[in-house]
Amino acid sequence: MLKWLWISAVTLVLDQASKLAVDGSMQLFESIPLLPYFNLTYVHNTGAAFSLLAQAGGWQRWLFAGLAVVMSSIIAVWLYRLQKHETLMAVALSLVLGGAVGNL
């Protein structure tokens, strides 16, 4: 497992660095076109995907944080139990783990 956690750490650092870069260089709701049909838009989402539960009053933050902790723990155990030949699965789980902790 420790062999793969560096991927999670790099993912976490890149995730946080990109969030800080956007926060420091863009105004809220500013949009930058990257591709013809893809824009980078700075918004705050207090809910889940597509602002699910965004207007729920604050309790959803603790729900999603708890969910992230539980799922990160499950992924870490899964990563620990992988066989040596399951390299692609280990890389995938490490990336997901880094993203989950980054969102936490």
PDB file of N, CA and C in Angstrom:
ATOM      1  N   MET A   1       0.825  -1.196   0.000  1.00  0.00           N
ATOM      2  CA  MET A   1       0.000   0.000   0.000  1.00  0.00           C
ATOM      3  C   MET A   1       0.867   1.256   0.000  1.00  0.00           C
ATOM      4  N   LEU A   2       1.893   1.306   0.833  1.00  0.00           N
ATOM      5  CA  LEU A   2       2.741   2.490   0.893  1.00  0.00           C
ATOM      6  C   LEU A   2       3.394   2.778  -0.445  1.00  0.00           C
ATOM      7  N   LYS A   3       3.585   1.737  -1.205  1.00  0.00           N
ATOM      8  CA  LYS A   3       4.184   1.869  -2.526  1.00  0.00           C
ATOM      9  C   LYS A   3       3.338   2.758  -3.439  1.00  0.00           C
ATOM     10  N   TRP A   4       2.036   2.816  -3.216  1.00  0.00           N
ATOM     11  CA  TRP A   4       1.123   3.544  -4.089  1.00  0.00           C
ATOM     12  C   TRP A   4       0.656   4.872  -3.509  1.00  0.00           C
ATOM     13  N   LEU A   5       0.900   5.111  -2.240  1.00  0.00           N
ATOM     14  CA  LEU A   5       0.373   6.330  -1.619  1.00  0.00           C
ATOM     15  C   LEU A   5       1.021   7.607  -2.148  1.00  0.00           C
ATOM     16  N   TRP A   6       2.192   7.495  -2.768  1.00  0.00           N
ATOM     17  CA  TRP A   6       2.808   8.690  -3.351  1.00  0.00           C
ATOM     18  C   TRP A   6       1.936   9.242  -4.474  1.00  0.00           C
ATOM     19  N   ILE A   7       1.236   8.358  -5.176  1.00  0.00           N
ATOM     20  CA  ILE A   7       0.334   8.812  -6.240  1.00  0.00           C
ATOM     21  C   ILE A   7      -0.819   9.603  -5.622  1.00  0.00           C
ATOM     22  N   SER A   8      -1.344   9.109  -4.506  1.00  0.00           N
ATOM     23  CA  SER A   8      -2.407   9.830  -3.800  1.00  0.00           C
ATOM     24  C   SER A   8      -1.906  11.180  -3.309  1.00  0.00           C
ATOM     25  N   ALA A   9      -0.685  11.220  -2.790  1.00  0.00           N
ATOM     26  CA  ALA A   9      -0.111  12.472  -2.282  1.00  0.00           C
ATOM     27  C   ALA A   9       0.078  13.486  -3.412  1.00  0.00           C
ATOM     28  N   VAL A  10       0.587  13.033  -4.554  1.00  0.00           N
ATOM     29  CA  VAL A  10       0.770  13.927  -5.703  1.00  0.00           C
ATOM     30  C   VAL A  10      -0.587  14.433  -6.186  1.00  0.00           C
ATOM     31  N   THR A  11      -1.571  13.554  -6.249  1.00  0.00           N
ATOM     32  CA  THR A  11      -2.922  13.946  -6.662  1.00  0.00           C
ATOM     33  C   THR A  11      -3.489  14.987  -5.706  1.00  0.00           C
ATOM     34  N   LEU A  12      -3.310  14.777  -4.421  1.00  0.00           N
ATOM     35  CA  LEU A  12      -3.795  15.713  -3.409  1.00  0.00           C
ATOM     36  C   LEU A  12      -3.119  17.074  -3.565  1.00  0.00           C
ATOM     37  N   VAL A  13      -1.816  17.090  -3.734  1.00  0.00           N
ATOM     38  CA  VAL A  13      -1.084  18.354  -3.888  1.00  0.00           C
ATOM     39  C   VAL A  13      -1.522  19.087  -5.154  1.00  0.00           C
ATOM     40  N   LEU A  14      -1.628  18.364  -6.275  1.00  0.00           N
ATOM     41  CA  LEU A  14      -2.074  18.991  -7.523  1.00  0.00           C
ATOM     42  C   LEU A  14      -3.504  19.520  -7.412  1.00  0.00           C
ATOM     43  N   ASP A  15      -4.361  18.767  -6.731  1.00  0.00           N
ATOM     44  CA  ASP A  15      -5.751  19.177  -6.527  1.00  0.00           C
ATOM     45  C   ASP A  15      -5.810  20.487  -5.744  1.00  0.00           C
ATOM     46  N   GLN A  16      -5.092  20.534  -4.637  1.00  0.00           N
ATOM     47  CA  GLN A  16      -5.106  21.733  -3.804  1.00  0.00           C
ATOM     48  C   GLN A  16      -4.427  22.915  -4.505  1.00  0.00           C
ATOM     49  N   ALA A  17      -3.336  22.644  -5.227  1.00  0.00           N
ATOM     50  CA  ALA A  17      -2.637  23.709  -5.942  1.00  0.00           C
ATOM     51  C   ALA A  17      -3.519  24.313  -7.029  1.00  0.00           C
ATOM     52  N   SER A  18      -4.245  23.473  -7.750  1.00  0.00           N
ATOM     53  CA  SER A  18      -5.125  23.995  -8.799  1.00  0.00           C
ATOM     54  C   SER A  18      -6.269  24.808  -8.195  1.00  0.00           C
ATOM     55  N   LYS A  19      -6.791  24.373  -7.058  1.00  0.00           N
ATOM     56  CA  LYS A  19      -7.857  25.136  -6.399  1.00  0.00           C
ATOM     57  C   LYS A  19      -7.340  26.487  -5.914  1.00  0.00           C
ATOM     58  N   LEU A  20      -6.123  26.510  -5.337  1.00  0.00           N
ATOM     59  CA  LEU A  20      -5.535  27.765  -4.882  1.00  0.00           C
ATOM     60  C   LEU A  20      -5.223  28.690  -6.058  1.00  0.00           C
ATOM     61  N   ALA A  21      -4.757  28.128  -7.165  1.00  0.00           N
ATOM     62  CA  ALA A  21      -4.449  28.933  -8.347  1.00  0.00           C
ATOM     63  C   ALA A  21      -5.706  29.597  -8.896  1.00  0.00           C
ATOM     64  N   VAL A  22      -6.786  28.848  -8.981  1.00  0.00           N
ATOM     65  CA  VAL A  22      -8.045  29.412  -9.473  1.00  0.00           C
ATOM     66  C   VAL A  22      -8.559  30.459  -8.487  1.00  0.00           C
ATOM     67  N   ASP A  23      -8.498  30.166  -7.202  1.00  0.00           N
ATOM     68  CA  ASP A  23      -8.973  31.105  -6.185  1.00  0.00           C
ATOM     69  C   ASP A  23      -8.172  32.401  -6.197  1.00  0.00           C
ATOM     70  N   GLY A  24      -6.877  32.294  -6.453  1.00  0.00           N
ATOM     71  CA  GLY A  24      -6.023  33.473  -6.435  1.00  0.00           C
ATOM     72  C   GLY A  24      -6.006  34.274  -7.722  1.00  0.00           C
ATOM     73  N   SER A  25      -6.445  33.685  -8.818  1.00  0.00           N
ATOM     74  CA  SER A  25      -6.312  34.383 -10.094  1.00  0.00           C
ATOM     75  C   SER A  25      -7.638  34.674 -10.798  1.00  0.00           C
ATOM     76  N   MET A  26      -8.727  34.166 -10.285  1.00  0.00           N
ATOM     77  CA  MET A  26     -10.019  34.380 -10.938  1.00  0.00           C
ATOM     78  C   MET A  26     -11.012  35.000  -9.965  1.00  0.00           C
ATOM     79  N   GLN A  27     -11.967  35.733 -10.525  1.00  0.00           N
ATOM     80  CA  GLN A  27     -13.078  36.264  -9.748  1.00  0.00           C
ATOM     81  C   GLN A  27     -14.207  35.233  -9.747  1.00  0.00           C
ATOM     82  N   LEU A  28     -15.023  35.256  -8.712  1.00  0.00           N
ATOM     83  CA  LEU A  28     -16.165  34.357  -8.634  1.00  0.00           C
ATOM     84  C   LEU A  28     -17.041  34.521  -9.873  1.00  0.00           C
ATOM     85  N   PHE A  29     -17.404  33.434 -10.495  1.00  0.00           N
ATOM     86  CA  PHE A  29     -18.226  33.331 -11.706  1.00  0.00           C
ATOM     87  C   PHE A  29     -17.486  33.734 -12.987  1.00  0.00           C
ATOM     88  N   GLU A  30     -16.199  34.000 -12.882  1.00  0.00           N
ATOM     89  CA  GLU A  30     -15.415  34.282 -14.084  1.00  0.00           C
ATOM     90  C   GLU A  30     -15.234  32.988 -14.869  1.00  0.00           C
ATOM     91  N   SER A  31     -15.235  33.102 -16.178  1.00  0.00           N
ATOM     92  CA  SER A  31     -15.126  31.938 -17.046  1.00  0.00           C
ATOM     93  C   SER A  31     -14.004  32.151 -18.054  1.00  0.00           C
ATOM     94  N   ILE A  32     -13.167  31.118 -18.240  1.00  0.00           N
ATOM     95  CA  ILE A  32     -12.068  31.166 -19.204  1.00  0.00           C
ATOM     96  C   ILE A  32     -12.281  30.042 -20.210  1.00  0.00           C
ATOM     97  N   PRO A  33     -12.431  30.369 -21.499  1.00  0.00           N
ATOM     98  CA  PRO A  33     -12.591  29.311 -22.507  1.00  0.00           C
ATOM     99  C   PRO A  33     -11.271  28.548 -22.700  1.00  0.00           C
ATOM    100  N   LEU A  34     -11.328  27.238 -22.573  1.00  0.00           N
ATOM    101  CA  LEU A  34     -10.148  26.394 -22.766  1.00  0.00           C
ATOM    102  C   LEU A  34     -10.193  25.661 -24.106  1.00  0.00           C
ATOM    103  N   LEU A  35     -11.351  25.190 -24.463  1.00  0.00           N
ATOM    104  CA  LEU A  35     -11.598  24.515 -25.740  1.00  0.00           C
ATOM    105  C   LEU A  35     -12.901  25.078 -26.303  1.00  0.00           C
ATOM    106  N   PRO A  36     -13.202  24.813 -27.568  1.00  0.00           N
ATOM    107  CA  PRO A  36     -14.436  25.386 -28.132  1.00  0.00           C
ATOM    108  C   PRO A  36     -15.699  25.105 -27.311  1.00  0.00           C
ATOM    109  N   TYR A  37     -15.784  23.961 -26.680  1.00  0.00           N
ATOM    110  CA  TYR A  37     -16.989  23.626 -25.917  1.00  0.00           C
ATOM    111  C   TYR A  37     -16.687  23.352 -24.447  1.00  0.00           C
ATOM    112  N   PHE A  38     -15.576  23.903 -23.950  1.00  0.00           N
ATOM    113  CA  PHE A  38     -15.168  23.643 -22.567  1.00  0.00           C
ATOM    114  C   PHE A  38     -14.602  24.912 -21.946  1.00  0.00           C
ATOM    115  N   ASN A  39     -15.258  25.408 -20.889  1.00  0.00           N
ATOM    116  CA  ASN A  39     -14.812  26.606 -20.175  1.00  0.00           C
ATOM    117  C   ASN A  39     -14.453  26.247 -18.746  1.00  0.00           C
ATOM    118  N   LEU A  40     -13.456  26.930 -18.206  1.00  0.00           N
ATOM    119  CA  LEU A  40     -13.133  26.829 -16.789  1.00  0.00           C
ATOM    120  C   LEU A  40     -13.864  27.973 -16.106  1.00  0.00           C
ATOM    121  N   THR A  41     -14.827  27.653 -15.247  1.00  0.00           N
ATOM    122  CA  THR A  41     -15.642  28.658 -14.577  1.00  0.00           C
ATOM    123  C   THR A  41     -15.479  28.505 -13.072  1.00  0.00           C
ATOM    124  N   TYR A  42     -15.196  29.618 -12.401  1.00  0.00           N
ATOM    125  CA  TYR A  42     -14.976  29.613 -10.961  1.00  0.00           C
ATOM    126  C   TYR A  42     -16.308  29.803 -10.239  1.00  0.00           C
ATOM    127  N   VAL A  43     -16.757  28.761  -9.563  1.00  0.00           N
ATOM    128  CA  VAL A  43     -17.977  28.813  -8.758  1.00  0.00           C
ATOM    129  C   VAL A  43     -17.721  28.101  -7.439  1.00  0.00           C
ATOM    130  N   HIS A  44     -18.547  28.375  -6.462  1.00  0.00           N
ATOM    131  CA  HIS A  44     -18.500  27.668  -5.183  1.00  0.00           C
ATOM    132  C   HIS A  44     -19.704  26.745  -5.121  1.00  0.00           C
ATOM    133  N   ASN A  45     -19.470  25.488  -4.836  1.00  0.00           N
ATOM    134  CA  ASN A  45     -20.546  24.504  -4.730  1.00  0.00           C
ATOM    135  C   ASN A  45     -20.568  23.993  -3.296  1.00  0.00           C
ATOM    136  N   THR A  46     -21.585  24.366  -2.548  1.00  0.00           N
ATOM    137  CA  THR A  46     -21.680  23.933  -1.153  1.00  0.00           C
ATOM    138  C   THR A  46     -22.401  22.601  -1.012  1.00  0.00           C
ATOM    139  N   GLY A  47     -22.857  22.063  -2.106  1.00  0.00           N
ATOM    140  CA  GLY A  47     -23.543  20.774  -2.080  1.00  0.00           C
ATOM    141  C   GLY A  47     -22.681  19.700  -2.699  1.00  0.00           C
ATOM    142  N   ALA A  48     -23.330  18.712  -3.252  1.00  0.00           N
ATOM    143  CA  ALA A  48     -22.630  17.615  -3.933  1.00  0.00           C
ATOM    144  C   ALA A  48     -22.701  17.873  -5.431  1.00  0.00           C
ATOM    145  N   ALA A  49     -22.638  16.833  -6.205  1.00  0.00           N
ATOM    146  CA  ALA A  49     -22.680  16.951  -7.663  1.00  0.00           C
ATOM    147  C   ALA A  49     -23.911  17.747  -8.097  1.00  0.00           C
ATOM    148  N   PHE A  50     -23.695  18.703  -8.979  1.00  0.00           N
ATOM    149  CA  PHE A  50     -24.761  19.545  -9.522  1.00  0.00           C
ATOM    150  C   PHE A  50     -25.533  20.265  -8.422  1.00  0.00           C
ATOM    151  N   SER A  51     -24.826  20.629  -7.351  1.00  0.00           N
ATOM    152  CA  SER A  51     -25.372  21.398  -6.217  1.00  0.00           C
ATOM    153  C   SER A  51     -26.464  20.666  -5.446  1.00  0.00           C
ATOM    154  N   LEU A  52     -26.442  19.348  -5.485  1.00  0.00           N
ATOM    155  CA  LEU A  52     -27.386  18.559  -4.697  1.00  0.00           C
ATOM    156  C   LEU A  52     -27.254  18.926  -3.223  1.00  0.00           C
ATOM    157  N   LEU A  53     -28.321  19.266  -2.578  1.00  0.00           N
ATOM    158  CA  LEU A  53     -28.404  19.653  -1.171  1.00  0.00           C
ATOM    159  C   LEU A  53     -27.678  20.954  -0.856  1.00  0.00           C
ATOM    160  N   ALA A  54     -27.418  21.793  -1.831  1.00  0.00           N
ATOM    161  CA  ALA A  54     -26.697  23.040  -1.594  1.00  0.00           C
ATOM    162  C   ALA A  54     -27.472  23.995  -0.690  1.00  0.00           C
ATOM    163  N   GLN A  55     -28.774  23.912  -0.678  1.00  0.00           N
ATOM    164  CA  GLN A  55     -29.606  24.808   0.129  1.00  0.00           C
ATOM    165  C   GLN A  55     -30.103  24.135   1.409  1.00  0.00           C
ATOM    166  N   ALA A  56     -29.414  23.111   1.873  1.00  0.00           N
ATOM    167  CA  ALA A  56     -29.907  22.320   3.002  1.00  0.00           C
ATOM    168  C   ALA A  56     -29.604  22.921   4.364  1.00  0.00           C
ATOM    169  N   GLY A  57     -28.827  23.986   4.455  1.00  0.00           N
ATOM    170  CA  GLY A  57     -28.638  24.641   5.740  1.00  0.00           C
ATOM    171  C   GLY A  57     -27.338  24.328   6.454  1.00  0.00           C
ATOM    172  N   GLY A  58     -26.449  23.585   5.888  1.00  0.00           N
ATOM    173  CA  GLY A  58     -25.147  23.359   6.502  1.00  0.00           C
ATOM    174  C   GLY A  58     -24.861  21.942   6.959  1.00  0.00           C
ATOM    175  N   TRP A  59     -25.885  21.187   7.291  1.00  0.00           N
ATOM    176  CA  TRP A  59     -25.649  19.817   7.774  1.00  0.00           C
ATOM    177  C   TRP A  59     -25.036  18.941   6.698  1.00  0.00           C
ATOM    178  N   GLN A  60     -25.263  19.250   5.413  1.00  0.00           N
ATOM    179  CA  GLN A  60     -24.758  18.433   4.316  1.00  0.00           C
ATOM    180  C   GLN A  60     -23.233  18.432   4.264  1.00  0.00           C
ATOM    181  N   ARG A  61     -22.595  19.510   4.740  1.00  0.00           N
ATOM    182  CA  ARG A  61     -21.132  19.565   4.759  1.00  0.00           C
ATOM    183  C   ARG A  61     -20.569  18.432   5.623  1.00  0.00           C
ATOM    184  N   TRP A  62     -21.189  18.217   6.774  1.00  0.00           N
ATOM    185  CA  TRP A  62     -20.720  17.153   7.681  1.00  0.00           C
ATOM    186  C   TRP A  62     -21.044  15.775   7.121  1.00  0.00           C
ATOM    187  N   LEU A  63     -22.171  15.663   6.453  1.00  0.00           N
ATOM    188  CA  LEU A  63     -22.524  14.395   5.820  1.00  0.00           C
ATOM    189  C   LEU A  63     -21.494  14.021   4.757  1.00  0.00           C
ATOM    190  N   PHE A  64     -21.165  14.969   3.877  1.00  0.00           N
ATOM    191  CA  PHE A  64     -20.221  14.686   2.803  1.00  0.00           C
ATOM    192  C   PHE A  64     -18.804  14.492   3.339  1.00  0.00           C
ATOM    193  N   ALA A  65     -18.426  15.221   4.392  1.00  0.00           N
ATOM    194  CA  ALA A  65     -17.117  15.019   5.009  1.00  0.00           C
ATOM    195  C   ALA A  65     -17.030  13.626   5.623  1.00  0.00           C
ATOM    196  N   GLY A  66     -18.077  13.211   6.310  1.00  0.00           N
ATOM    197  CA  GLY A  66     -18.106  11.863   6.891  1.00  0.00           C
ATOM    198  C   GLY A  66     -18.057  10.790   5.822  1.00  0.00           C
ATOM    199  N   LEU A  67     -18.802  11.017   4.751  1.00  0.00           N
ATOM    200  CA  LEU A  67     -18.783  10.077   3.630  1.00  0.00           C
ATOM    201  C   LEU A  67     -17.388   9.980   3.017  1.00  0.00           C
ATOM    202  N   ALA A  68     -16.706  11.114   2.868  1.00  0.00           N
ATOM    203  CA  ALA A  68     -15.354  11.125   2.310  1.00  0.00           C
ATOM    204  C   ALA A  68     -14.386  10.363   3.213  1.00  0.00           C
ATOM    205  N   VAL A  69     -14.520  10.525   4.520  1.00  0.00           N
ATOM    206  CA  VAL A  69     -13.645   9.803   5.458  1.00  0.00           C
ATOM    207  C   VAL A  69     -13.900   8.308   5.381  1.00  0.00           C
ATOM    208  N   VAL A  70     -15.164   7.918   5.375  1.00  0.00           N
ATOM    209  CA  VAL A  70     -15.507   6.488   5.309  1.00  0.00           C
ATOM    210  C   VAL A  70     -15.026   5.880   3.999  1.00  0.00           C
ATOM    211  N   MET A  71     -15.306   6.537   2.886  1.00  0.00           N
ATOM    212  CA  MET A  71     -14.901   5.996   1.588  1.00  0.00           C
ATOM    213  C   MET A  71     -13.384   5.987   1.430  1.00  0.00           C
ATOM    214  N   SER A  72     -12.705   6.995   1.945  1.00  0.00           N
ATOM    215  CA  SER A  72     -11.238   7.014   1.884  1.00  0.00           C
ATOM    216  C   SER A  72     -10.661   5.857   2.687  1.00  0.00           C
ATOM    217  N   SER A  73     -11.262   5.562   3.816  1.00  0.00           N
ATOM    218  CA  SER A  73     -10.812   4.427   4.630  1.00  0.00           C
ATOM    219  C   SER A  73     -11.023   3.105   3.899  1.00  0.00           C
ATOM    220  N   ILE A  74     -12.171   2.964   3.269  1.00  0.00           N
ATOM    221  CA  ILE A  74     -12.462   1.744   2.510  1.00  0.00           C
ATOM    222  C   ILE A  74     -11.489   1.593   1.346  1.00  0.00           C
ATOM    223  N   ILE A  75     -11.221   2.681   0.644  1.00  0.00           N
ATOM    224  CA  ILE A  75     -10.283   2.623  -0.482  1.00  0.00           C
ATOM    225  C   ILE A  75      -8.881   2.297   0.006  1.00  0.00           C
ATOM    226  N   ALA A  76      -8.475   2.855   1.147  1.00  0.00           N
ATOM    227  CA  ALA A  76      -7.147   2.567   1.693  1.00  0.00           C
ATOM    228  C   ALA A  76      -7.006   1.095   2.059  1.00  0.00           C
ATOM    229  N   VAL A  77      -8.040   0.525   2.663  1.00  0.00           N
ATOM    230  CA  VAL A  77      -8.001  -0.908   3.000  1.00  0.00           C
ATOM    231  C   VAL A  77      -7.968  -1.742   1.727  1.00  0.00           C
ATOM    232  N   TRP A  78      -8.758  -1.374   0.748  1.00  0.00           N
ATOM    233  CA  TRP A  78      -8.784  -2.070  -0.541  1.00  0.00           C
ATOM    234  C   TRP A  78      -7.394  -2.020  -1.189  1.00  0.00           C
ATOM    235  N   LEU A  79      -6.781  -0.857  -1.147  1.00  0.00           N
ATOM    236  CA  LEU A  79      -5.449  -0.683  -1.710  1.00  0.00           C
ATOM    237  C   LEU A  79      -4.429  -1.548  -0.981  1.00  0.00           C
ATOM    238  N   TYR A  80      -4.562  -1.632   0.323  1.00  0.00           N
ATOM    239  CA  TYR A  80      -3.661  -2.458   1.139  1.00  0.00           C
ATOM    240  C   TYR A  80      -3.778  -3.942   0.789  1.00  0.00           C
ATOM    241  N   ARG A  81      -4.984  -4.379   0.461  1.00  0.00           N
ATOM    242  CA  ARG A  81      -5.240  -5.805   0.207  1.00  0.00           C
ATOM    243  C   ARG A  81      -4.996  -6.241  -1.240  1.00  0.00           C
ATOM    244  N   LEU A  82      -4.636  -5.330  -2.120  1.00  0.00           N
ATOM    245  CA  LEU A  82      -4.404  -5.691  -3.515  1.00  0.00           C
ATOM    246  C   LEU A  82      -3.204  -6.616  -3.656  1.00  0.00           C
ATOM    247  N   GLN A  83      -3.275  -7.459  -4.658  1.00  0.00           N
ATOM    248  CA  GLN A  83      -2.161  -8.341  -4.992  1.00  0.00           C
ATOM    249  C   GLN A  83      -1.121  -7.554  -5.785  1.00  0.00           C
ATOM    250  N   LYS A  84       0.100  -8.057  -5.830  1.00  0.00           N
ATOM    251  CA  LYS A  84       1.193  -7.354  -6.509  1.00  0.00           C
ATOM    252  C   LYS A  84       0.940  -7.137  -7.999  1.00  0.00           C
ATOM    253  N   HIS A  85       0.240  -8.035  -8.641  1.00  0.00           N
ATOM    254  CA  HIS A  85       0.036  -7.925 -10.083  1.00  0.00           C
ATOM    255  C   HIS A  85      -1.102  -6.977 -10.467  1.00  0.00           C
ATOM    256  N   GLU A  86      -1.799  -6.415  -9.523  1.00  0.00           N
ATOM    257  CA  GLU A  86      -2.941  -5.535  -9.803  1.00  0.00           C
ATOM    258  C   GLU A  86      -2.502  -4.063  -9.852  1.00  0.00           C
ATOM    259  N   THR A  87      -1.548  -3.781 -10.709  1.00  0.00           N
ATOM    260  CA  THR A  87      -0.953  -2.448 -10.791  1.00  0.00           C
ATOM    261  C   THR A  87      -1.955  -1.392 -11.241  1.00  0.00           C
ATOM    262  N   LEU A  88      -2.699  -1.663 -12.292  1.00  0.00           N
ATOM    263  CA  LEU A  88      -3.653  -0.678 -12.809  1.00  0.00           C
ATOM    264  C   LEU A  88      -4.723  -0.342 -11.773  1.00  0.00           C
ATOM    265  N   MET A  89      -5.205  -1.329 -11.063  1.00  0.00           N
ATOM    266  CA  MET A  89      -6.194  -1.098 -10.014  1.00  0.00           C
ATOM    267  C   MET A  89      -5.586  -0.264  -8.885  1.00  0.00           C
ATOM    268  N   ALA A  90      -4.342  -0.525  -8.535  1.00  0.00           N
ATOM    269  CA  ALA A  90      -3.674   0.241  -7.481  1.00  0.00           C
ATOM    270  C   ALA A  90      -3.517   1.702  -7.877  1.00  0.00           C
ATOM    271  N   VAL A  91      -3.147   1.957  -9.121  1.00  0.00           N
ATOM    272  CA  VAL A  91      -3.008   3.336  -9.600  1.00  0.00           C
ATOM    273  C   VAL A  91      -4.370   4.028  -9.578  1.00  0.00           C
ATOM    274  N   ALA A  92      -5.393   3.354 -10.054  1.00  0.00           N
ATOM    275  CA  ALA A  92      -6.745   3.930 -10.085  1.00  0.00           C
ATOM    276  C   ALA A  92      -7.233   4.254  -8.674  1.00  0.00           C
ATOM    277  N   LEU A  93      -7.070   3.324  -7.755  1.00  0.00           N
ATOM    278  CA  LEU A  93      -7.502   3.556  -6.377  1.00  0.00           C
ATOM    279  C   LEU A  93      -6.709   4.685  -5.730  1.00  0.00           C
ATOM    280  N   SER A  94      -5.425   4.778  -6.036  1.00  0.00           N
ATOM    281  CA  SER A  94      -4.594   5.854  -5.488  1.00  0.00           C
ATOM    282  C   SER A  94      -5.066   7.219  -5.975  1.00  0.00           C
ATOM    283  N   LEU A  95      -5.428   7.299  -7.251  1.00  0.00           N
ATOM    284  CA  LEU A  95      -5.945   8.557  -7.808  1.00  0.00           C
ATOM    285  C   LEU A  95      -7.275   8.940  -7.169  1.00  0.00           C
ATOM    286  N   VAL A  96      -8.155   7.970  -6.993  1.00  0.00           N
ATOM    287  CA  VAL A  96      -9.453   8.224  -6.368  1.00  0.00           C
ATOM    288  C   VAL A  96      -9.253   8.652  -4.915  1.00  0.00           C
ATOM    289  N   LEU A  97      -8.347   7.990  -4.218  1.00  0.00           N
ATOM    290  CA  LEU A  97      -8.068   8.328  -2.824  1.00  0.00           C
ATOM    291  C   LEU A  97      -7.549   9.754  -2.701  1.00  0.00           C
ATOM    292  N   GLY A  98      -6.618  10.129  -3.558  1.00  0.00           N
ATOM    293  CA  GLY A  98      -6.099  11.505  -3.541  1.00  0.00           C
ATOM    294  C   GLY A  98      -7.186  12.525  -3.820  1.00  0.00           C
ATOM    295  N   GLY A  99      -8.066  12.229  -4.757  1.00  0.00           N
ATOM    296  CA  GLY A  99      -9.176  13.131  -5.059  1.00  0.00           C
ATOM    297  C   GLY A  99     -10.175  13.237  -3.930  1.00  0.00           C
ATOM    298  N   ALA A 100     -10.465  12.115  -3.280  1.00  0.00           N
ATOM    299  CA  ALA A 100     -11.416  12.120  -2.167  1.00  0.00           C
ATOM    300  C   ALA A 100     -10.880  12.926  -0.995  1.00  0.00           C
ATOM    301  N   VAL A 101      -9.606  12.750  -0.688  1.00  0.00           N
ATOM    302  CA  VAL A 101      -9.006  13.508   0.406  1.00  0.00           C
ATOM    303  C   VAL A 101      -8.904  14.988   0.018  1.00  0.00           C
ATOM    304  N   GLY A 102      -8.628  15.262  -1.242  1.00  0.00           N
ATOM    305  CA  GLY A 102      -8.584  16.647  -1.707  1.00  0.00           C
ATOM    306  C   GLY A 102      -9.921  17.347  -1.585  1.00  0.00           C
ATOM    307  N   ASN A 103     -10.996  16.637  -1.772  1.00  0.00           N
ATOM    308  CA  ASN A 103     -12.332  17.216  -1.639  1.00  0.00           C
ATOM    309  C   ASN A 103     -12.756  17.330  -0.170  1.00  0.00           C
ATOM    310  N   LEU A 104     -12.138  16.545   0.655  1.00  0.00           N
ATOM    311  CA  LEU A 104     -12.468  16.591   2.083  1.00  0.00           C
ATOM    312  C   LEU A 104     -12.071  17.931   2.644  1.00  0.00           C
TER     313      LEU A 104
END
